[in-house]
Amino acid sequence: MPPTRSRQGGESLISLMVGLLLSMVVALAMLSMYKVSARYGGQAGQDAAADSQLTAALLRAGLAVQDAGYGIASASLDTQLVVLSGAALNDTALSGSTVATGTSGNAVLWAMNTTGTAQCAGLLFNAANGGGGGLFFLGPVACSTGSVSDWSGLSWTSTRWADRPANQASNAYDQTAIRFSVASTACKPFGVTASSGNVVWTLSSTNRSGAPLTEQQCLFNFKAP
């Protein structure tokens, strides 16, 4: 009786090709998932850095504006404090137009006397593209009259406090624009009840997620009559 041949077990070429195909699909899916998570993780990091810088700049701006009207007797709106609309800084020349009390603008200027000599300073949100955008602190520069009403004739210096995020498109940048406004109303600075001011200054913006950000100050140097 002739011997029987046993069939050898193993993988066929077709099964190997199917396994290789499935492995490639899984590898591509994992690579795609990694790219998506890396992209959104990097975006989140840039958003967090931009929001931190903006929040710090808002707090810094609130401290700076407390100098408005300091050392000037009977400081008043439209003389020692003005808001500008359409403001832009070209080298040292500032352009724009003043707005009425209660109307918001992209710059606020004030006069002060913190050193024994009258000076003018301010804040400007510049919407320019190409690296020129952001929040700028203006001055301080000498303004001998103790008034900021002649702001267009002054030679301004500037320091950028918050940059325009490099990955922020123009429409998103417009959304996070910083606006300033002042209102003539009685207020209590820092919750102090024994003293009062007569001007409220408000800075408003939004973060990268669209949440509103507001910094509001009672300007103590503008006394209630």
Protein backbone atom coordinates (compact mmCIF):
# COMPACT_ATOMS: atom_id res chain seq x y z
CA MET A 1 0.00 0.00 0.00
CA PRO A 2 1.63 3.29 -1.10
CA PRO A 3 2.31 5.93 1.59
CA THR A 4 -0.13 8.86 1.83
CA ARG A 5 1.18 12.38 1.46
CA SER A 6 0.18 14.87 4.16
CA ARG A 7 -0.69 18.40 3.03
CA GLN A 8 1.62 21.06 4.40
CA GLY A 9 -0.07 23.90 6.31
CA GLY A 10 1.00 27.55 5.91
CA GLU A 11 0.14 30.96 4.55
CA SER A 12 -0.75 31.41 0.95
CA LEU A 13 0.48 34.34 -1.13
CA ILE A 14 -3.03 35.78 -1.20
CA SER A 15 -3.38 35.75 2.59
CA LEU A 16 0.02 37.44 2.94
CA MET A 17 -1.04 40.17 0.52
CA VAL A 18 -4.34 40.69 2.39
CA GLY A 19 -2.47 40.97 5.70
CA LEU A 20 -0.01 43.43 4.19
CA LEU A 21 -2.88 45.54 2.83
CA LEU A 22 -4.62 45.63 6.20
CA SER A 23 -1.38 46.63 7.91
CA MET A 24 -0.90 49.48 5.44
CA VAL A 25 -4.45 50.72 6.02
CA VAL A 26 -3.95 50.71 9.79
CA ALA A 27 -0.58 52.47 9.45
CA LEU A 28 -2.07 55.18 7.21
CA ALA A 29 -4.96 55.71 9.64
CA MET A 30 -2.55 56.09 12.57
CA LEU A 31 -0.38 58.51 10.59
CA SER A 32 -3.42 60.59 9.63
CA MET A 33 -4.58 60.69 13.26
CA TYR A 34 -1.13 61.78 14.39
CA LYS A 35 -1.00 64.59 11.83
CA VAL A 36 -4.43 65.88 12.87
CA SER A 37 -3.62 65.76 16.60
CA ALA A 38 -0.23 67.42 16.02
CA ARG A 39 -1.83 70.18 13.96
CA TYR A 40 -4.55 70.94 16.48
CA GLY A 41 -2.14 70.57 19.38
CA GLY A 42 0.20 73.13 17.82
CA GLN A 43 -2.72 75.46 17.07
CA ALA A 44 -3.94 75.17 20.66
CA GLY A 45 -0.47 76.03 21.92
CA GLN A 46 -0.25 79.10 19.71
CA ASP A 47 -3.76 80.17 20.76
CA ALA A 48 -2.87 79.78 24.45
CA ALA A 49 0.32 81.81 24.02
CA ALA A 50 -1.54 84.58 22.15
CA ASP A 51 -4.30 84.69 24.78
CA SER A 52 -1.76 84.86 27.61
CA GLN A 53 0.04 87.74 25.91
CA LEU A 54 -3.25 89.57 25.31
CA THR A 55 -4.43 89.11 28.91
CA ALA A 56 -1.11 90.40 30.26
CA ALA A 57 -1.28 93.39 27.90
CA LEU A 58 -4.82 94.22 29.10
CA LEU A 59 -3.72 94.21 32.72
CA ARG A 60 -0.69 96.33 31.86
CA ALA A 61 -2.89 98.77 29.96
CA GLY A 62 -5.19 99.11 32.98
CA LEU A 63 -2.25 100.09 35.15
CA ALA A 64 -0.86 102.54 32.59
CA VAL A 65 -4.12 104.44 32.10
CA GLN A 66 -4.28 105.22 35.83
CA ASP A 67 -1.69 107.93 35.10
CA ALA A 68 -4.25 109.81 33.00
CA GLY A 69 -4.79 113.29 34.47
CA TYR A 70 -2.28 112.76 37.29
CA GLY A 71 -0.72 115.99 38.56
CA ILE A 72 -3.06 118.17 36.49
CA ALA A 73 -5.61 120.32 38.31
CA SER A 74 -9.20 119.83 37.18
CA ALA A 75 -8.37 117.17 34.59
CA SER A 76 -11.26 116.73 32.16
CA LEU A 77 -12.39 114.71 29.19
CA ASP A 78 -11.57 116.02 25.70
CA THR A 79 -8.64 117.94 27.20
CA GLN A 80 -6.58 115.46 29.20
CA LEU A 81 -8.23 112.33 27.80
CA VAL A 82 -9.41 111.56 24.25
CA VAL A 83 -10.37 108.47 22.24
CA LEU A 84 -9.45 108.21 18.54
CA SER A 85 -11.08 106.32 15.70
CA GLY A 86 -9.15 105.11 12.66
CA ALA A 87 -5.88 105.86 14.42
CA ALA A 88 -2.62 104.79 12.78
CA LEU A 89 1.03 105.46 13.56
CA ASN A 90 3.32 106.23 10.63
CA ASP A 91 6.85 106.41 12.01
CA THR A 92 6.28 109.05 14.73
CA ALA A 93 3.20 110.74 13.24
CA LEU A 94 -0.20 109.75 14.63
CA SER A 95 -3.33 110.15 12.52
CA GLY A 96 -7.02 109.57 13.20
CA SER A 97 -10.03 111.46 14.46
CA THR A 98 -11.39 112.07 17.95
CA VAL A 99 -14.71 110.49 18.92
CA ALA A 100 -17.45 111.55 21.27
CA THR A 101 -17.63 110.35 24.86
CA GLY A 102 -19.08 106.86 25.04
CA THR A 103 -18.01 105.98 21.48
CA SER A 104 -15.32 103.34 21.05
CA GLY A 105 -12.13 103.74 19.04
CA ASN A 106 -8.83 101.99 18.45
CA ALA A 107 -6.67 104.45 20.42
CA VAL A 108 -6.85 106.39 23.69
CA LEU A 109 -4.54 109.27 24.62
CA TRP A 110 -4.05 111.08 27.90
CA ALA A 111 -2.05 113.89 29.50
CA MET A 112 -0.28 113.61 32.86
CA ASN A 113 2.34 115.21 35.04
CA THR A 114 4.16 112.42 36.86
CA THR A 115 7.69 113.85 36.56
CA GLY A 116 7.16 117.59 37.14
CA THR A 117 6.77 118.13 33.38
CA ALA A 118 3.57 117.65 31.41
CA GLN A 119 3.64 114.57 29.20
CA CYS A 120 1.25 112.71 26.90
CA ALA A 121 0.90 108.94 26.49
CA GLY A 122 -1.60 106.50 25.07
CA LEU A 123 -2.54 103.08 23.75
CA LEU A 124 -3.07 102.14 20.11
CA PHE A 125 -4.39 98.98 18.50
CA ASN A 126 -2.87 98.90 15.04
CA ALA A 127 -4.68 96.64 12.57
CA ALA A 128 -1.88 96.74 9.99
CA ASN A 129 -0.76 93.55 8.28
CA GLY A 130 2.81 92.43 7.63
CA GLY A 131 4.05 92.41 11.20
CA GLY A 132 2.87 95.93 12.03
CA GLY A 133 -0.22 94.96 13.99
CA GLY A 134 -0.78 94.65 17.71
CA LEU A 135 -1.26 96.72 20.84
CA PHE A 136 1.19 99.61 21.23
CA PHE A 137 1.97 101.88 24.16
CA LEU A 138 2.57 105.43 22.89
CA GLY A 139 4.96 107.85 24.56
CA PRO A 140 5.37 109.33 26.98
CA VAL A 141 6.27 112.45 25.02
CA ALA A 142 6.44 116.08 26.12
CA CYS A 143 3.25 118.09 25.67
CA SER A 144 3.95 121.37 27.40
CA THR A 145 0.35 122.57 27.46
CA GLY A 146 -0.69 119.75 29.78
CA SER A 147 -3.35 118.87 27.21
CA VAL A 148 -3.58 116.03 24.73
CA SER A 149 -5.84 117.99 22.40
CA ASP A 150 -2.85 118.79 20.14
CA TRP A 151 -1.94 115.08 19.77
CA SER A 152 -1.63 115.24 15.97
CA GLY A 153 1.29 117.65 16.21
CA LEU A 154 3.35 115.52 18.61
CA SER A 155 6.23 113.20 17.71
CA TRP A 156 5.23 109.87 19.22
CA THR A 157 7.39 106.98 20.35
CA SER A 158 5.90 103.50 20.55
CA THR A 159 6.45 100.15 22.24
CA ARG A 160 4.58 97.03 21.18
CA TRP A 161 2.91 95.25 24.11
CA ALA A 162 1.06 92.51 22.19
CA ASP A 163 1.90 91.12 18.77
CA ARG A 164 -0.43 90.00 16.05
CA PRO A 165 -0.32 86.16 16.17
CA ALA A 166 1.56 84.84 13.15
CA ASN A 167 -1.06 82.20 12.33
CA GLN A 168 -4.10 84.44 12.67
CA ALA A 169 -6.01 85.20 9.48
CA SER A 170 -7.22 88.74 8.83
CA ASN A 171 -10.86 87.98 9.68
CA ALA A 172 -9.87 86.35 12.98
CA TYR A 173 -7.55 89.27 13.72
CA ASP A 174 -10.40 91.71 13.20
CA GLN A 175 -12.47 89.67 15.64
CA THR A 176 -9.81 90.04 18.34
CA ALA A 177 -9.37 93.77 17.77
CA ILE A 178 -8.94 95.90 20.89
CA ARG A 179 -11.34 98.80 21.40
CA PHE A 180 -11.25 101.68 23.88
CA SER A 181 -14.01 103.89 25.23
CA VAL A 182 -14.50 106.40 28.05
CA ALA A 183 -17.68 107.40 29.83
CA SER A 184 -18.40 110.33 32.10
CA THR A 185 -19.93 108.71 35.17
CA ALA A 186 -19.28 108.58 38.90
CA CYS A 187 -17.23 105.58 39.95
CA LYS A 188 -15.20 104.15 42.84
CA PRO A 189 -11.60 103.12 42.09
CA PHE A 190 -10.60 99.67 43.35
CA GLY A 191 -13.69 99.53 45.56
CA VAL A 192 -12.52 102.45 47.72
CA THR A 193 -15.67 104.09 49.07
CA ALA A 194 -14.08 107.20 50.57
CA SER A 195 -13.03 108.61 47.19
CA SER A 196 -14.59 108.80 43.76
CA GLY A 197 -13.72 109.60 40.18
CA ASN A 198 -15.79 110.84 37.29
CA VAL A 199 -14.51 108.84 34.30
CA VAL A 200 -14.72 105.12 33.50
CA TRP A 201 -12.27 103.76 30.93
CA THR A 202 -13.04 100.48 29.20
CA LEU A 203 -10.85 98.24 27.04
CA SER A 204 -12.62 95.38 25.28
CA SER A 205 -11.52 92.52 23.05
CA THR A 206 -12.06 88.78 22.52
CA ASN A 207 -9.69 85.85 22.88
CA ARG A 208 -8.89 83.30 20.18
CA SER A 209 -11.94 81.24 21.17
CA GLY A 210 -14.30 84.22 20.82
CA ALA A 211 -14.81 84.75 24.58
CA PRO A 212 -15.09 88.46 25.53
CA LEU A 213 -12.26 90.13 27.45
CA THR A 214 -12.80 93.43 29.27
CA GLU A 215 -10.56 95.65 31.38
CA GLN A 216 -12.38 98.53 33.09
CA GLN A 217 -10.89 101.25 35.29
CA CYS A 218 -12.25 104.14 37.31
CA LEU A 219 -9.89 107.04 36.60
CA PHE A 220 -9.42 108.62 40.00
CA ASN A 221 -7.60 111.72 38.70
CA PHE A 222 -10.77 112.90 36.98
CA LYS A 223 -12.66 114.03 40.06
CA ALA A 224 -16.39 114.33 40.27
CA PRO A 225 -17.41 118.01 40.53
